[in-house]
């Protein structure tokens, strides 16, 4: 797969956007947790998909310096999104 890391970067950015905006989704339908939970779920789903694609690419041979640069961008964004989403979700539910 030639574009694995680019797809992972896209997933990490989508996950980051959902992780940033899912708190506002609570107010979309009059204080309903439906969109809050959907936004949190999408943030976690896309972040985990980005991490899995990075792991998949890591086990394949033939990495370049561009791959290393993308890894430095993708992993912190995806991991920070996971931690932030889990933290905020726990605070809202607690």
N, C-alpha and C. Protein backbone atom coordinates (compact mmCIF):
# COMPACT_ATOMS: atom_id res chain seq x y z
N UNK A 1 0.85 -1.18 0.00
CA UNK A 1 0.00 0.00 0.00
C UNK A 1 0.89 1.24 0.00
N UNK A 2 0.78 1.99 -1.05
CA UNK A 2 1.64 3.14 -1.23
C UNK A 2 1.22 4.32 -0.36
N UNK A 3 -0.05 4.48 -0.13
CA UNK A 3 -0.56 5.65 0.56
C UNK A 3 -1.02 5.36 1.99
N UNK A 4 -0.49 4.34 2.61
CA UNK A 4 -0.94 3.94 3.95
C UNK A 4 -0.77 5.06 4.96
N UNK A 5 0.39 5.69 4.97
CA UNK A 5 0.64 6.74 5.96
C UNK A 5 -0.16 8.01 5.65
N UNK A 6 -0.42 8.28 4.38
CA UNK A 6 -1.25 9.45 4.06
C UNK A 6 -2.68 9.23 4.51
N UNK A 7 -3.16 8.00 4.37
CA UNK A 7 -4.50 7.68 4.87
C UNK A 7 -4.51 7.76 6.40
N UNK A 8 -3.44 7.29 7.03
CA UNK A 8 -3.34 7.38 8.49
C UNK A 8 -3.31 8.83 8.94
N UNK A 9 -2.62 9.70 8.19
CA UNK A 9 -2.60 11.12 8.52
C UNK A 9 -3.99 11.73 8.40
N UNK A 10 -4.71 11.37 7.35
CA UNK A 10 -6.09 11.84 7.18
C UNK A 10 -6.97 11.38 8.34
N UNK A 11 -6.85 10.10 8.72
CA UNK A 11 -7.63 9.57 9.84
C UNK A 11 -7.27 10.26 11.15
N UNK A 12 -5.98 10.53 11.35
CA UNK A 12 -5.56 11.21 12.58
C UNK A 12 -6.13 12.63 12.63
N UNK A 13 -6.15 13.31 11.49
CA UNK A 13 -6.70 14.67 11.46
C UNK A 13 -8.22 14.66 11.68
N UNK A 14 -8.91 13.70 11.07
CA UNK A 14 -10.35 13.59 11.29
C UNK A 14 -10.64 13.25 12.75
N UNK A 15 -9.89 12.32 13.31
CA UNK A 15 -10.05 11.97 14.72
C UNK A 15 -9.77 13.17 15.61
N UNK A 16 -8.74 13.95 15.28
CA UNK A 16 -8.44 15.15 16.05
C UNK A 16 -9.55 16.18 15.99
N UNK A 17 -10.16 16.34 14.82
CA UNK A 17 -11.28 17.27 14.70
C UNK A 17 -12.48 16.81 15.52
N UNK A 18 -12.80 15.53 15.42
CA UNK A 18 -13.90 15.01 16.24
C UNK A 18 -13.57 15.13 17.73
N UNK A 19 -12.32 14.87 18.09
CA UNK A 19 -11.91 15.00 19.48
C UNK A 19 -12.01 16.42 20.00
N UNK A 20 -11.81 17.38 19.11
CA UNK A 20 -11.89 18.79 19.50
C UNK A 20 -13.33 19.27 19.59
N UNK A 21 -14.18 18.83 18.66
CA UNK A 21 -15.53 19.36 18.56
C UNK A 21 -16.62 18.52 19.21
N UNK A 22 -16.29 17.30 19.70
CA UNK A 22 -17.38 16.45 20.18
C UNK A 22 -18.04 17.02 21.43
N UNK A 23 -17.35 17.87 22.19
CA UNK A 23 -17.96 18.47 23.37
C UNK A 23 -19.09 19.41 22.98
N UNK A 24 -18.93 20.13 21.87
CA UNK A 24 -19.98 21.02 21.39
C UNK A 24 -21.17 20.26 20.82
N UNK A 25 -20.96 19.02 20.43
CA UNK A 25 -22.04 18.22 19.86
C UNK A 25 -23.10 17.89 20.90
N UNK A 26 -22.77 18.05 22.17
CA UNK A 26 -23.73 17.82 23.26
C UNK A 26 -24.92 18.76 23.14
N UNK A 27 -24.70 19.96 22.65
CA UNK A 27 -25.74 20.98 22.59
C UNK A 27 -26.53 20.98 21.29
N UNK A 28 -26.25 20.07 20.38
CA UNK A 28 -26.90 20.07 19.07
C UNK A 28 -28.39 19.78 19.18
N UNK A 29 -28.79 18.86 20.04
CA UNK A 29 -30.21 18.47 20.11
C UNK A 29 -30.76 18.68 21.52
N UNK A 30 -30.47 19.81 22.09
CA UNK A 30 -31.03 20.11 23.40
C UNK A 30 -30.48 19.27 24.51
N UNK A 31 -29.19 19.29 24.70
CA UNK A 31 -28.52 18.58 25.80
C UNK A 31 -28.74 17.07 25.72
N UNK A 32 -28.53 16.51 24.55
CA UNK A 32 -28.66 15.07 24.35
C UNK A 32 -27.27 14.45 24.23
N UNK A 33 -27.10 13.30 24.84
CA UNK A 33 -25.82 12.62 24.77
C UNK A 33 -25.65 11.82 23.49
N UNK A 34 -26.65 11.80 22.60
CA UNK A 34 -26.55 11.04 21.37
C UNK A 34 -25.37 11.53 20.53
N UNK A 35 -25.33 12.81 20.21
CA UNK A 35 -24.26 13.33 19.36
C UNK A 35 -22.94 13.43 20.12
N UNK A 36 -23.00 13.64 21.42
CA UNK A 36 -21.79 13.64 22.24
C UNK A 36 -21.10 12.28 22.15
N UNK A 37 -21.88 11.21 22.34
CA UNK A 37 -21.34 9.86 22.26
C UNK A 37 -20.89 9.52 20.84
N UNK A 38 -21.63 9.97 19.84
CA UNK A 38 -21.24 9.72 18.45
C UNK A 38 -19.92 10.41 18.13
N UNK A 39 -19.77 11.66 18.55
CA UNK A 39 -18.52 12.38 18.31
C UNK A 39 -17.34 11.74 19.02
N UNK A 40 -17.54 11.34 20.26
CA UNK A 40 -16.47 10.66 21.00
C UNK A 40 -16.12 9.33 20.34
N UNK A 41 -17.13 8.60 19.90
CA UNK A 41 -16.89 7.32 19.22
C UNK A 41 -16.11 7.49 17.93
N UNK A 42 -16.48 8.50 17.13
CA UNK A 42 -15.75 8.75 15.89
C UNK A 42 -14.32 9.19 16.16
N UNK A 43 -14.11 10.00 17.20
CA UNK A 43 -12.75 10.43 17.55
C UNK A 43 -11.88 9.22 17.90
N UNK A 44 -12.41 8.33 18.71
CA UNK A 44 -11.65 7.14 19.10
C UNK A 44 -11.46 6.21 17.91
N UNK A 45 -12.50 6.02 17.12
CA UNK A 45 -12.43 5.12 15.96
C UNK A 45 -11.38 5.57 14.96
N UNK A 46 -11.41 6.85 14.58
CA UNK A 46 -10.45 7.33 13.60
C UNK A 46 -9.03 7.36 14.16
N UNK A 47 -8.88 7.68 15.42
CA UNK A 47 -7.54 7.69 16.03
C UNK A 47 -6.96 6.28 16.10
N UNK A 48 -7.77 5.32 16.50
CA UNK A 48 -7.30 3.93 16.54
C UNK A 48 -6.99 3.41 15.14
N UNK A 49 -7.79 3.79 14.15
CA UNK A 49 -7.53 3.38 12.77
C UNK A 49 -6.20 3.95 12.29
N UNK A 50 -5.91 5.22 12.65
CA UNK A 50 -4.63 5.82 12.26
C UNK A 50 -3.47 5.09 12.92
N UNK A 51 -3.60 4.76 14.19
CA UNK A 51 -2.53 4.05 14.89
C UNK A 51 -2.33 2.65 14.30
N UNK A 52 -3.42 1.97 13.98
CA UNK A 52 -3.30 0.63 13.39
C UNK A 52 -2.64 0.69 12.01
N UNK A 53 -2.95 1.71 11.21
CA UNK A 53 -2.30 1.84 9.92
C UNK A 53 -0.81 2.13 10.07
N UNK A 54 -0.45 2.92 11.07
CA UNK A 54 0.96 3.19 11.32
C UNK A 54 1.68 1.90 11.73
N UNK A 55 1.06 1.12 12.58
CA UNK A 55 1.66 -0.15 13.00
C UNK A 55 1.79 -1.09 11.80
N UNK A 56 0.75 -1.13 10.97
CA UNK A 56 0.79 -1.96 9.76
C UNK A 56 1.94 -1.54 8.86
N UNK A 57 2.11 -0.24 8.67
CA UNK A 57 3.19 0.26 7.82
C UNK A 57 4.55 -0.02 8.45
N UNK A 58 4.64 0.05 9.76
CA UNK A 58 5.91 -0.18 10.45
C UNK A 58 6.43 -1.61 10.22
N UNK A 59 5.53 -2.57 10.13
CA UNK A 59 5.96 -3.95 9.94
C UNK A 59 6.33 -4.26 8.49
N UNK A 60 5.98 -3.38 7.59
CA UNK A 60 6.39 -3.55 6.20
C UNK A 60 7.76 -2.94 6.00
N UNK A 61 8.49 -3.46 5.06
CA UNK A 61 9.85 -2.97 4.83
C UNK A 61 9.83 -1.80 3.84
N UNK A 62 10.92 -1.04 3.85
CA UNK A 62 11.07 0.03 2.87
C UNK A 62 10.61 1.38 3.36
N UNK A 63 10.99 1.78 4.55
CA UNK A 63 10.61 3.08 5.07
C UNK A 63 11.56 4.15 4.53
N UNK A 64 11.03 5.33 4.32
CA UNK A 64 11.82 6.45 3.84
C UNK A 64 11.83 7.55 4.89
N UNK A 65 12.57 8.62 4.63
CA UNK A 65 12.60 9.74 5.57
C UNK A 65 11.24 10.45 5.61
N UNK A 66 10.52 10.43 4.49
CA UNK A 66 9.17 11.01 4.47
C UNK A 66 8.24 10.20 5.38
N UNK A 67 8.41 8.89 5.39
CA UNK A 67 7.62 8.04 6.29
C UNK A 67 7.90 8.40 7.75
N UNK A 68 9.16 8.63 8.08
CA UNK A 68 9.51 8.99 9.45
C UNK A 68 8.89 10.32 9.85
N UNK A 69 8.89 11.27 8.92
CA UNK A 69 8.28 12.57 9.20
C UNK A 69 6.78 12.43 9.44
N UNK A 70 6.11 11.62 8.62
CA UNK A 70 4.68 11.40 8.81
C UNK A 70 4.39 10.70 10.13
N UNK A 71 5.27 9.77 10.53
CA UNK A 71 5.09 9.09 11.80
C UNK A 71 5.19 10.06 12.97
N UNK A 72 6.10 11.02 12.87
CA UNK A 72 6.28 12.01 13.93
C UNK A 72 5.05 12.91 14.03
N UNK A 73 4.32 13.08 12.95
CA UNK A 73 3.10 13.89 12.98
C UNK A 73 1.90 13.06 13.42
N UNK A 74 1.76 11.87 12.86
CA UNK A 74 0.55 11.06 13.06
C UNK A 74 0.43 10.55 14.49
N UNK A 75 1.47 9.93 15.01
CA UNK A 75 1.37 9.28 16.32
C UNK A 75 1.03 10.26 17.45
N UNK A 76 1.70 11.40 17.58
CA UNK A 76 1.31 12.31 18.67
C UNK A 76 -0.12 12.82 18.54
N UNK A 77 -0.54 13.12 17.31
CA UNK A 77 -1.92 13.61 17.13
C UNK A 77 -2.93 12.54 17.51
N UNK A 78 -2.72 11.32 17.05
CA UNK A 78 -3.68 10.24 17.32
C UNK A 78 -3.69 9.87 18.80
N UNK A 79 -2.52 9.78 19.42
CA UNK A 79 -2.46 9.41 20.83
C UNK A 79 -3.02 10.52 21.71
N UNK A 80 -2.69 11.77 21.39
CA UNK A 80 -3.23 12.89 22.18
C UNK A 80 -4.75 12.96 22.04
N UNK A 81 -5.26 12.69 20.84
CA UNK A 81 -6.72 12.68 20.65
C UNK A 81 -7.36 11.60 21.50
N UNK A 82 -6.76 10.42 21.54
CA UNK A 82 -7.31 9.34 22.37
C UNK A 82 -7.34 9.74 23.84
N UNK A 83 -6.22 10.24 24.34
CA UNK A 83 -6.17 10.62 25.76
C UNK A 83 -7.14 11.75 26.07
N UNK A 84 -7.20 12.77 25.21
CA UNK A 84 -8.09 13.90 25.44
C UNK A 84 -9.55 13.46 25.43
N UNK A 85 -9.92 12.63 24.45
CA UNK A 85 -11.30 12.18 24.34
C UNK A 85 -11.69 11.33 25.54
N UNK A 86 -10.83 10.43 25.95
CA UNK A 86 -11.12 9.59 27.11
C UNK A 86 -11.23 10.44 28.38
N UNK A 87 -10.33 11.42 28.54
CA UNK A 87 -10.37 12.30 29.71
C UNK A 87 -11.67 13.10 29.75
N UNK A 88 -12.02 13.75 28.66
CA UNK A 88 -13.23 14.58 28.63
C UNK A 88 -14.48 13.71 28.80
N UNK A 89 -14.49 12.57 28.14
CA UNK A 89 -15.65 11.67 28.26
C UNK A 89 -15.83 11.22 29.71
N UNK A 90 -14.74 10.89 30.36
CA UNK A 90 -14.83 10.46 31.77
C UNK A 90 -15.31 11.60 32.66
N UNK A 91 -14.87 12.81 32.38
CA UNK A 91 -15.30 13.96 33.20
C UNK A 91 -16.79 14.27 33.00
N UNK A 92 -17.26 14.16 31.75
CA UNK A 92 -18.67 14.44 31.48
C UNK A 92 -19.57 13.35 32.07
N UNK A 93 -19.10 12.14 32.08
CA UNK A 93 -19.92 11.04 32.59
C UNK A 93 -19.84 10.92 34.11
N UNK A 94 -18.80 11.50 34.68
CA UNK A 94 -18.57 11.33 36.12
C UNK A 94 -19.20 12.33 36.96
